[in-house]
Amino acid sequence: MIVKKIPGGGVTELVYDQYDRLVYSRDANQAARGVWAFIKYDGLNRPIVTGEISSSSNRATLAGTVDSGTQHHENWANGSTAGYSLSQTAPTSATEAHLLTITFYDDYGFQKPSGFDYAAGYYGSANTSVKGQVTGGRTRMLPGNGSPGGWLTAVTYYEGEYRPIQTVRDLYDLGYKL
């Protein structure tokens, strides 16, 4: 499926890569704003980042660009806020400013705000060898003026059988003061 029509919602266009993963999509509202939503993946085909990027290209042009790409996935890049390289797969011009969500898997090596370490409670320690689980993520705050906002971070800690035992996350400041 490359195009779907939703009653009252207009046309949604979809672009897949050679591995049958959704890479680009845009609905009628995004088309009016001149942007495409994108998803980038890690080596295990897990979605790691989502975002929006401005482009005047049509669906066929983007599909040709995606098909000509030779890289399968983005690489781990712990030194950055994004936590991953962003230039290996389409769109190769994406930067941190284009990102809306970031998802981290398998370990806790990504950058976290201070105070986001595991706090021993009922369980004495968390499992630091987590494999195949979401260990954290970032979500972009949208300030409403068209500029990218800051990040809200969340970290989930697991016990030995991969059951979540603690979640630490940022909360958006609603302006209330006590």
N, C-alpha and C. Protein backbone atom coordinates (compact mmCIF):
# COMPACT_ATOMS: atom_id res chain seq x y z
N MET A 1 0.85 -1.16 0.00
CA MET A 1 0.00 0.00 0.00
C MET A 1 0.90 1.23 0.00
N ILE A 2 0.71 2.09 -0.96
CA ILE A 2 1.51 3.31 -1.04
C ILE A 2 0.67 4.56 -0.86
N VAL A 3 -0.64 4.45 -1.02
CA VAL A 3 -1.55 5.57 -0.82
C VAL A 3 -2.83 5.01 -0.19
N LYS A 4 -3.33 5.72 0.81
CA LYS A 4 -4.62 5.34 1.35
C LYS A 4 -5.47 6.59 1.51
N LYS A 5 -6.75 6.45 1.25
CA LYS A 5 -7.68 7.56 1.36
C LYS A 5 -8.59 7.30 2.55
N ILE A 6 -8.64 8.28 3.42
CA ILE A 6 -9.44 8.16 4.63
C ILE A 6 -10.59 9.16 4.54
N PRO A 7 -11.83 8.70 4.66
CA PRO A 7 -12.96 9.63 4.58
C PRO A 7 -12.82 10.76 5.59
N GLY A 8 -12.89 11.98 5.10
CA GLY A 8 -12.77 13.15 5.97
C GLY A 8 -11.34 13.46 6.38
N GLY A 9 -10.38 12.62 6.00
CA GLY A 9 -8.99 12.81 6.40
C GLY A 9 -8.05 13.04 5.24
N GLY A 10 -8.54 12.90 4.03
CA GLY A 10 -7.69 13.12 2.87
C GLY A 10 -6.84 11.90 2.54
N VAL A 11 -5.78 12.17 1.81
CA VAL A 11 -4.88 11.13 1.31
C VAL A 11 -3.65 11.02 2.20
N THR A 12 -3.26 9.79 2.52
CA THR A 12 -2.01 9.53 3.23
C THR A 12 -1.10 8.77 2.29
N GLU A 13 0.12 9.29 2.11
CA GLU A 13 1.10 8.67 1.23
C GLU A 13 2.14 7.95 2.07
N LEU A 14 2.60 6.78 1.60
CA LEU A 14 3.54 5.95 2.34
C LEU A 14 4.72 5.55 1.45
N VAL A 15 5.92 5.56 2.02
CA VAL A 15 7.13 5.14 1.30
C VAL A 15 7.84 4.09 2.15
N TYR A 16 8.14 2.93 1.56
CA TYR A 16 8.81 1.83 2.24
C TYR A 16 10.21 1.64 1.68
N ASP A 17 11.11 1.12 2.50
CA ASP A 17 12.45 0.81 2.00
C ASP A 17 12.50 -0.61 1.46
N GLN A 18 13.67 -1.04 1.00
CA GLN A 18 13.82 -2.37 0.41
C GLN A 18 13.65 -3.49 1.44
N TYR A 19 13.58 -3.13 2.72
CA TYR A 19 13.38 -4.13 3.79
C TYR A 19 11.93 -4.14 4.28
N ASP A 20 11.04 -3.51 3.52
CA ASP A 20 9.60 -3.42 3.82
C ASP A 20 9.30 -2.69 5.12
N ARG A 21 10.11 -1.71 5.46
CA ARG A 21 9.87 -0.88 6.65
C ARG A 21 9.36 0.48 6.19
N LEU A 22 8.36 0.99 6.89
CA LEU A 22 7.85 2.32 6.58
C LEU A 22 8.93 3.35 6.90
N VAL A 23 9.29 4.17 5.92
CA VAL A 23 10.33 5.18 6.11
C VAL A 23 9.74 6.58 6.11
N TYR A 24 8.87 6.89 5.15
CA TYR A 24 8.23 8.19 5.06
C TYR A 24 6.72 8.02 5.01
N SER A 25 6.03 9.01 5.55
CA SER A 25 4.58 9.07 5.39
C SER A 25 4.16 10.53 5.52
N ARG A 26 3.04 10.86 4.91
CA ARG A 26 2.47 12.18 5.13
C ARG A 26 0.98 12.12 4.87
N ASP A 27 0.25 12.82 5.74
CA ASP A 27 -1.19 12.93 5.58
C ASP A 27 -1.49 14.27 4.92
N ALA A 28 -2.77 14.58 4.78
CA ALA A 28 -3.16 15.81 4.08
C ALA A 28 -2.66 17.06 4.82
N ASN A 29 -2.68 17.06 6.13
CA ASN A 29 -2.20 18.21 6.90
C ASN A 29 -0.69 18.41 6.72
N GLN A 30 0.06 17.32 6.74
CA GLN A 30 1.51 17.42 6.54
C GLN A 30 1.82 17.87 5.11
N ALA A 31 1.06 17.40 4.14
CA ALA A 31 1.27 17.83 2.75
C ALA A 31 1.04 19.33 2.62
N ALA A 32 0.03 19.85 3.30
CA ALA A 32 -0.24 21.29 3.25
C ALA A 32 0.89 22.09 3.89
N ARG A 33 1.55 21.53 4.90
CA ARG A 33 2.68 22.20 5.56
C ARG A 33 4.01 21.95 4.85
N GLY A 34 4.03 21.04 3.87
CA GLY A 34 5.26 20.74 3.13
C GLY A 34 6.25 19.89 3.90
N VAL A 35 5.77 18.98 4.74
CA VAL A 35 6.67 18.12 5.51
C VAL A 35 6.30 16.65 5.32
N TRP A 36 7.29 15.79 5.55
CA TRP A 36 7.10 14.34 5.55
C TRP A 36 7.51 13.83 6.93
N ALA A 37 6.74 12.90 7.47
CA ALA A 37 7.13 12.20 8.70
C ALA A 37 8.11 11.10 8.30
N PHE A 38 9.09 10.81 9.18
CA PHE A 38 10.03 9.74 8.86
C PHE A 38 10.28 8.89 10.10
N ILE A 39 10.75 7.67 9.84
CA ILE A 39 11.14 6.73 10.89
C ILE A 39 12.50 6.16 10.52
N LYS A 40 13.40 6.07 11.50
CA LYS A 40 14.70 5.43 11.29
C LYS A 40 14.78 4.22 12.21
N TYR A 41 15.57 3.21 11.81
CA TYR A 41 15.60 1.93 12.50
C TYR A 41 17.01 1.56 12.93
N ASP A 42 17.09 0.64 13.92
CA ASP A 42 18.39 0.10 14.33
C ASP A 42 18.65 -1.21 13.57
N GLY A 43 19.73 -1.88 13.89
CA GLY A 43 20.12 -3.10 13.18
C GLY A 43 19.16 -4.26 13.36
N LEU A 44 18.27 -4.19 14.35
CA LEU A 44 17.28 -5.24 14.57
C LEU A 44 15.89 -4.83 14.09
N ASN A 45 15.84 -3.84 13.21
CA ASN A 45 14.60 -3.33 12.61
C ASN A 45 13.64 -2.72 13.63
N ARG A 46 14.16 -2.24 14.75
CA ARG A 46 13.32 -1.57 15.74
C ARG A 46 13.33 -0.08 15.45
N PRO A 47 12.17 0.58 15.53
CA PRO A 47 12.15 2.03 15.30
C PRO A 47 12.91 2.75 16.41
N ILE A 48 13.87 3.61 16.04
CA ILE A 48 14.66 4.31 17.05
C ILE A 48 14.37 5.81 17.08
N VAL A 49 14.08 6.41 15.96
CA VAL A 49 13.71 7.82 15.96
C VAL A 49 12.57 8.07 14.99
N THR A 50 11.74 9.05 15.33
CA THR A 50 10.71 9.53 14.43
C THR A 50 10.86 11.04 14.35
N GLY A 51 10.38 11.61 13.27
CA GLY A 51 10.46 13.06 13.14
C GLY A 51 9.74 13.55 11.90
N GLU A 52 9.91 14.82 11.63
CA GLU A 52 9.36 15.45 10.45
C GLU A 52 10.44 16.27 9.78
N ILE A 53 10.44 16.24 8.45
CA ILE A 53 11.43 17.00 7.69
C ILE A 53 10.73 17.69 6.51
N SER A 54 11.12 18.93 6.25
CA SER A 54 10.54 19.68 5.13
C SER A 54 11.05 19.11 3.82
N SER A 55 10.15 18.95 2.87
CA SER A 55 10.54 18.47 1.55
C SER A 55 9.43 18.77 0.55
N SER A 56 9.83 19.24 -0.61
CA SER A 56 8.87 19.48 -1.68
C SER A 56 8.77 18.27 -2.61
N SER A 57 9.51 17.21 -2.30
CA SER A 57 9.52 16.00 -3.14
C SER A 57 8.18 15.28 -3.07
N ASN A 58 7.82 14.64 -4.19
CA ASN A 58 6.61 13.83 -4.18
C ASN A 58 6.94 12.40 -3.74
N ARG A 59 5.93 11.58 -3.60
CA ARG A 59 6.11 10.22 -3.10
C ARG A 59 7.04 9.40 -3.98
N ALA A 60 6.89 9.50 -5.29
CA ALA A 60 7.71 8.72 -6.22
C ALA A 60 9.19 9.10 -6.12
N THR A 61 9.47 10.39 -5.99
CA THR A 61 10.87 10.84 -5.86
C THR A 61 11.49 10.31 -4.58
N LEU A 62 10.75 10.40 -3.46
CA LEU A 62 11.27 9.89 -2.19
C LEU A 62 11.47 8.38 -2.25
N ALA A 63 10.56 7.68 -2.90
CA ALA A 63 10.70 6.23 -3.02
C ALA A 63 11.97 5.88 -3.80
N GLY A 64 12.26 6.62 -4.84
CA GLY A 64 13.49 6.39 -5.60
C GLY A 64 14.73 6.66 -4.77
N THR A 65 14.70 7.71 -3.95
CA THR A 65 15.83 8.02 -3.07
C THR A 65 16.03 6.93 -2.03
N VAL A 66 14.95 6.46 -1.45
CA VAL A 66 15.04 5.40 -0.44
C VAL A 66 15.55 4.11 -1.06
N ASP A 67 15.08 3.78 -2.26
CA ASP A 67 15.50 2.54 -2.93
C ASP A 67 16.98 2.57 -3.32
N SER A 68 17.53 3.74 -3.55
CA SER A 68 18.93 3.82 -3.94
C SER A 68 19.87 3.77 -2.72
N GLY A 69 19.33 3.86 -1.53
CA GLY A 69 20.15 3.80 -0.31
C GLY A 69 20.72 2.41 -0.09
N THR A 70 21.94 2.36 0.44
CA THR A 70 22.58 1.06 0.64
C THR A 70 22.68 0.68 2.12
N GLN A 71 22.47 1.63 3.01
CA GLN A 71 22.59 1.33 4.44
C GLN A 71 21.29 0.74 4.99
N HIS A 72 21.42 -0.20 5.90
CA HIS A 72 20.28 -0.87 6.50
C HIS A 72 19.75 -0.14 7.73
N HIS A 73 20.65 0.48 8.51
CA HIS A 73 20.22 1.04 9.79
C HIS A 73 21.14 2.15 10.27
N GLU A 74 20.70 2.84 11.31
CA GLU A 74 21.51 3.85 11.97
C GLU A 74 22.38 3.17 13.03
N ASN A 75 23.47 3.81 13.39
CA ASN A 75 24.40 3.25 14.37
C ASN A 75 24.28 3.97 15.70
N TRP A 76 24.66 3.27 16.75
CA TRP A 76 24.69 3.82 18.10
C TRP A 76 25.71 4.94 18.15
N ALA A 77 25.34 6.10 18.70
CA ALA A 77 26.25 7.24 18.85
C ALA A 77 25.98 7.88 20.20
N ASN A 78 26.52 7.29 21.24
CA ASN A 78 26.20 7.68 22.61
C ASN A 78 26.53 9.12 22.94
N GLY A 79 27.46 9.76 22.25
CA GLY A 79 27.87 11.11 22.60
C GLY A 79 26.87 12.19 22.28
N SER A 80 25.81 11.87 21.57
CA SER A 80 24.84 12.89 21.16
C SER A 80 23.52 12.71 21.89
N THR A 81 22.73 13.77 21.92
CA THR A 81 21.41 13.69 22.53
C THR A 81 20.55 12.66 21.81
N ALA A 82 20.66 12.63 20.48
CA ALA A 82 19.88 11.67 19.70
C ALA A 82 20.28 10.24 20.02
N GLY A 83 21.54 10.00 20.37
CA GLY A 83 21.99 8.66 20.73
C GLY A 83 22.29 7.77 19.54
N TYR A 84 22.02 8.22 18.34
CA TYR A 84 22.22 7.43 17.13
C TYR A 84 22.79 8.34 16.04
N SER A 85 23.48 7.73 15.08
CA SER A 85 23.84 8.48 13.89
C SER A 85 22.53 8.80 13.18
N LEU A 86 22.49 9.84 12.43
CA LEU A 86 21.25 10.19 11.72
C LEU A 86 21.45 10.28 10.22
N SER A 87 22.64 9.94 9.74
CA SER A 87 22.97 10.17 8.33
C SER A 87 23.12 8.89 7.51
N GLN A 88 22.84 7.74 8.08
CA GLN A 88 23.06 6.48 7.36
C GLN A 88 21.88 6.09 6.46
N THR A 89 20.67 6.39 6.87
CA THR A 89 19.47 6.00 6.12
C THR A 89 18.63 7.25 5.83
N ALA A 90 17.68 7.10 4.92
CA ALA A 90 16.84 8.24 4.52
C ALA A 90 15.97 8.70 5.69
N PRO A 91 15.81 9.98 5.86
CA PRO A 91 16.47 11.09 5.17
C PRO A 91 17.86 11.34 5.77
N THR A 92 18.86 11.37 4.93
CA THR A 92 20.24 11.52 5.40
C THR A 92 20.53 12.94 5.89
N SER A 93 19.67 13.88 5.57
CA SER A 93 19.87 15.27 6.01
C SER A 93 19.20 15.57 7.34
N ALA A 94 18.60 14.57 7.97
CA ALA A 94 17.91 14.78 9.25
C ALA A 94 18.91 15.16 10.33
N THR A 95 18.51 16.10 11.17
CA THR A 95 19.33 16.51 12.32
C THR A 95 18.48 16.35 13.58
N GLU A 96 19.10 16.60 14.71
CA GLU A 96 18.36 16.50 15.98
C GLU A 96 17.15 17.43 16.01
N ALA A 97 17.22 18.57 15.34
CA ALA A 97 16.11 19.52 15.31
C ALA A 97 14.87 18.94 14.61
N HIS A 98 15.04 17.92 13.77
CA HIS A 98 13.92 17.31 13.06
C HIS A 98 13.24 16.20 13.87
N LEU A 99 13.86 15.75 14.93
CA LEU A 99 13.36 14.59 15.67
C LEU A 99 12.21 14.94 16.59
N LEU A 100 11.28 13.99 16.72
CA LEU A 100 10.16 14.13 17.65
C LEU A 100 10.22 13.12 18.78
N THR A 101 10.67 11.90 18.48
CA THR A 101 10.83 10.88 19.52
C THR A 101 12.13 10.13 19.29
N ILE A 102 12.72 9.64 20.38
CA ILE A 102 13.91 8.80 20.33
C ILE A 102 13.66 7.64 21.28
N THR A 103 13.98 6.42 20.87
CA THR A 103 13.79 5.24 21.70
C THR A 103 15.12 4.51 21.86
N PHE A 104 15.44 4.14 23.11
CA PHE A 104 16.68 3.42 23.40
C PHE A 104 16.35 2.00 23.84
N TYR A 105 17.18 1.05 23.43
CA TYR A 105 16.98 -0.36 23.73
C TYR A 105 18.23 -0.96 24.37
N ASP A 106 18.06 -2.02 25.10
CA ASP A 106 19.12 -2.96 25.50
C ASP A 106 20.08 -2.53 26.60
N ASP A 107 20.30 -1.27 26.84
CA ASP A 107 21.21 -0.87 27.92
C ASP A 107 20.90 0.56 28.36
N TYR A 108 21.66 1.03 29.32
CA TYR A 108 21.43 2.36 29.89
C TYR A 108 22.57 3.31 29.58
N GLY A 109 23.29 3.10 28.49
CA GLY A 109 24.44 3.91 28.13
C GLY A 109 24.09 5.26 27.52
N PHE A 110 22.83 5.54 27.27
CA PHE A 110 22.46 6.82 26.67
C PHE A 110 22.52 7.94 27.71
N GLN A 111 22.60 9.18 27.23
CA GLN A 111 22.68 10.33 28.12
C GLN A 111 21.36 10.51 28.86
N LYS A 112 21.47 10.65 30.18
CA LYS A 112 20.30 10.86 31.03
C LYS A 112 20.54 12.08 31.90
N PRO A 113 19.48 12.80 32.25
CA PRO A 113 19.64 13.90 33.20
C PRO A 113 20.12 13.37 34.55
N SER A 114 20.73 14.23 35.34
CA SER A 114 21.16 13.80 36.67
C SER A 114 19.92 13.42 37.50
N GLY A 115 20.07 12.45 38.34
CA GLY A 115 18.96 11.98 39.16
C GLY A 115 18.11 10.91 38.49
N PHE A 116 18.51 10.45 37.32
CA PHE A 116 17.72 9.44 36.60
C PHE A 116 18.30 8.03 36.77
N ASP A 117 19.22 7.86 37.70
CA ASP A 117 19.76 6.54 37.97
C ASP A 117 18.77 5.74 38.81
N TYR A 118 18.96 4.43 38.83
CA TYR A 118 18.07 3.56 39.60
C TYR A 118 18.20 3.87 41.09
N ALA A 119 17.06 4.03 41.76
CA ALA A 119 17.03 4.25 43.21
C ALA A 119 16.52 2.98 43.86
N ALA A 120 17.39 2.31 44.60
CA ALA A 120 17.03 1.03 45.22
C ALA A 120 15.82 1.20 46.14
N GLY A 121 14.88 0.32 45.98
CA GLY A 121 13.67 0.32 46.81
C GLY A 121 13.39 -1.11 47.21
N TYR A 122 12.29 -1.65 46.73
CA TYR A 122 11.93 -3.03 47.02
C TYR A 122 12.98 -3.99 46.47
N TYR A 123 13.48 -3.69 45.26
CA TYR A 123 14.55 -4.47 44.66
C TYR A 123 15.87 -3.77 44.95
N GLY A 124 16.88 -4.52 45.36
CA GLY A 124 18.17 -3.94 45.70
C GLY A 124 18.88 -3.33 44.51
N SER A 125 18.76 -3.94 43.34
CA SER A 125 19.42 -3.40 42.15
C SER A 125 18.63 -3.77 40.90
N ALA A 126 18.86 -2.99 39.87
CA ALA A 126 18.20 -3.25 38.59
C ALA A 126 19.08 -4.12 37.73
N ASN A 127 18.49 -4.78 36.76
CA ASN A 127 19.21 -5.59 35.79
C ASN A 127 19.89 -4.65 34.80
N THR A 128 21.20 -4.68 34.74
CA THR A 128 21.93 -3.80 33.82
C THR A 128 22.24 -4.49 32.49
N SER A 129 21.85 -5.75 32.33
CA SER A 129 22.09 -6.50 31.10
C SER A 129 20.78 -6.77 30.37
N VAL A 130 19.97 -5.74 30.23
CA VAL A 130 18.66 -5.87 29.60
C VAL A 130 18.85 -6.03 28.09
N LYS A 131 18.22 -7.01 27.50
CA LYS A 131 18.29 -7.22 26.05
C LYS A 131 16.87 -7.31 25.50
N GLY A 132 16.63 -6.60 24.42
CA GLY A 132 15.34 -6.66 23.75
C GLY A 132 14.24 -5.84 24.38
N GLN A 133 14.56 -4.98 25.31
CA GLN A 133 13.56 -4.16 25.98
C GLN A 133 13.84 -2.68 25.74
N VAL A 134 12.79 -1.88 25.78
CA VAL A 134 12.95 -0.43 25.74
C VAL A 134 13.46 0.01 27.10
N THR A 135 14.63 0.64 27.12
CA THR A 135 15.20 1.09 28.39
C THR A 135 14.99 2.58 28.62
N GLY A 136 14.68 3.31 27.59
CA GLY A 136 14.43 4.74 27.77
C GLY A 136 14.04 5.40 26.48
N GLY A 137 13.75 6.69 26.60
CA GLY A 137 13.38 7.44 25.41
C GLY A 137 13.27 8.93 25.69
N ARG A 138 13.14 9.66 24.62
CA ARG A 138 12.95 11.10 24.69
C ARG A 138 11.78 11.47 23.79
N THR A 139 11.01 12.45 24.26
CA THR A 139 9.89 12.98 23.49
C THR A 139 10.04 14.48 23.41
N ARG A 140 9.91 15.01 22.22
CA ARG A 140 10.08 16.45 22.00
C ARG A 140 8.83 17.19 22.49
N MET A 141 9.04 18.26 23.25
CA MET A 141 7.95 19.17 23.60
C MET A 141 7.77 20.14 22.45
N LEU A 142 6.56 20.36 22.05
CA LEU A 142 6.29 21.27 20.94
C LEU A 142 5.73 22.57 21.50
N PRO A 143 6.48 23.66 21.43
CA PRO A 143 6.05 24.90 22.07
C PRO A 143 4.94 25.64 21.33
N GLY A 144 4.64 25.26 20.10
CA GLY A 144 3.54 25.89 19.39
C GLY A 144 3.95 27.06 18.52
N ASN A 145 5.21 27.46 18.54
CA ASN A 145 5.64 28.59 17.71
C ASN A 145 6.44 28.13 16.49
N GLY A 146 6.45 26.83 16.22
CA GLY A 146 7.14 26.30 15.06
C GLY A 146 8.59 25.93 15.30
N SER A 147 9.15 26.30 16.44
CA SER A 147 10.53 25.94 16.74
C SER A 147 10.56 24.66 17.56
N PRO A 148 11.66 23.93 17.49
CA PRO A 148 11.73 22.71 18.30
C PRO A 148 11.85 23.05 19.79
N GLY A 149 11.17 22.31 20.60
CA GLY A 149 11.24 22.52 22.05
C GLY A 149 12.27 21.62 22.68
N GLY A 150 12.26 21.56 24.00
CA GLY A 150 13.18 20.70 24.73
C GLY A 150 12.69 19.26 24.76
N TRP A 151 13.43 18.42 25.47
CA TRP A 151 13.13 17.00 25.53
C TRP A 151 12.59 16.60 26.90
N LEU A 152 11.64 15.69 26.91
CA LEU A 152 11.21 15.00 28.12
C LEU A 152 11.82 13.60 28.04
N THR A 153 12.53 13.19 29.08
CA THR A 153 13.23 11.91 29.09
C THR A 153 12.54 10.94 30.03
N ALA A 154 12.54 9.67 29.66
CA ALA A 154 12.02 8.60 30.52
C ALA A 154 12.98 7.43 30.50
N VAL A 155 13.17 6.79 31.65
CA VAL A 155 14.04 5.62 31.77
C VAL A 155 13.25 4.55 32.52
N THR A 156 13.27 3.31 32.01
CA THR A 156 12.61 2.18 32.66
C THR A 156 13.66 1.17 33.09
N TYR A 157 13.62 0.80 34.37
CA TYR A 157 14.55 -0.18 34.92
C TYR A 157 13.81 -1.50 35.12
N TYR A 158 14.51 -2.60 34.88
CA TYR A 158 13.92 -3.94 34.93
C TYR A 158 14.62 -4.79 35.98
N GLU A 159 13.92 -5.82 36.46
CA GLU A 159 14.54 -6.82 37.33
C GLU A 159 15.01 -7.98 36.48
N GLY A 160 15.54 -9.03 37.09
CA GLY A 160 16.18 -10.13 36.37
C GLY A 160 15.31 -10.85 35.36
N GLU A 161 14.00 -10.82 35.54
CA GLU A 161 13.10 -11.50 34.59
C GLU A 161 12.42 -10.51 33.66
N TYR A 162 13.04 -9.35 33.52
CA TYR A 162 12.60 -8.30 32.60
C TYR A 162 11.23 -7.71 32.91
N ARG A 163 10.86 -7.74 34.16
CA ARG A 163 9.65 -7.04 34.57
C ARG A 163 10.05 -5.64 35.02
N PRO A 164 9.33 -4.62 34.58
CA PRO A 164 9.69 -3.26 34.98
C PRO A 164 9.55 -3.08 36.49
N ILE A 165 10.56 -2.48 37.12
CA ILE A 165 10.50 -2.25 38.56
C ILE A 165 10.55 -0.76 38.91
N GLN A 166 10.97 0.09 37.96
CA GLN A 166 11.01 1.51 38.24
C GLN A 166 11.04 2.29 36.93
N THR A 167 10.27 3.35 36.88
CA THR A 167 10.31 4.27 35.75
C THR A 167 10.57 5.67 36.30
N VAL A 168 11.56 6.33 35.71
CA VAL A 168 11.90 7.70 36.09
C VAL A 168 11.69 8.55 34.85
N ARG A 169 10.96 9.66 34.99
CA ARG A 169 10.69 10.47 33.81
C ARG A 169 10.55 11.94 34.16
N ASP A 170 10.79 12.77 33.15
CA ASP A 170 10.54 14.20 33.26
C ASP A 170 9.06 14.44 33.14
N LEU A 171 8.59 15.46 33.80
CA LEU A 171 7.23 15.93 33.62
C LEU A 171 7.28 17.35 33.11
N TYR A 172 6.37 17.68 32.24
CA TYR A 172 6.33 19.03 31.71
C TYR A 172 5.89 19.98 32.81
N ASP A 173 6.58 21.09 32.96
CA ASP A 173 6.24 22.10 33.96
C ASP A 173 5.04 22.89 33.47
N LEU A 174 3.93 22.77 34.18
CA LEU A 174 2.71 23.44 33.79
C LEU A 174 2.61 24.85 34.38
N GLY A 175 3.66 25.29 35.05
CA GLY A 175 3.66 26.64 35.58
C GLY A 175 3.11 26.73 36.99
N TYR A 176 2.70 25.62 37.59
CA TYR A 176 2.19 25.65 38.95
C TYR A 176 3.34 25.76 39.93
N LYS A 177 3.21 26.61 40.90
CA LYS A 177 4.24 26.76 41.94
C LYS A 177 3.62 26.48 43.30
N LEU A 178 4.31 25.69 44.09
CA LEU A 178 3.81 25.39 45.43
C LEU A 178 4.54 26.22 46.45
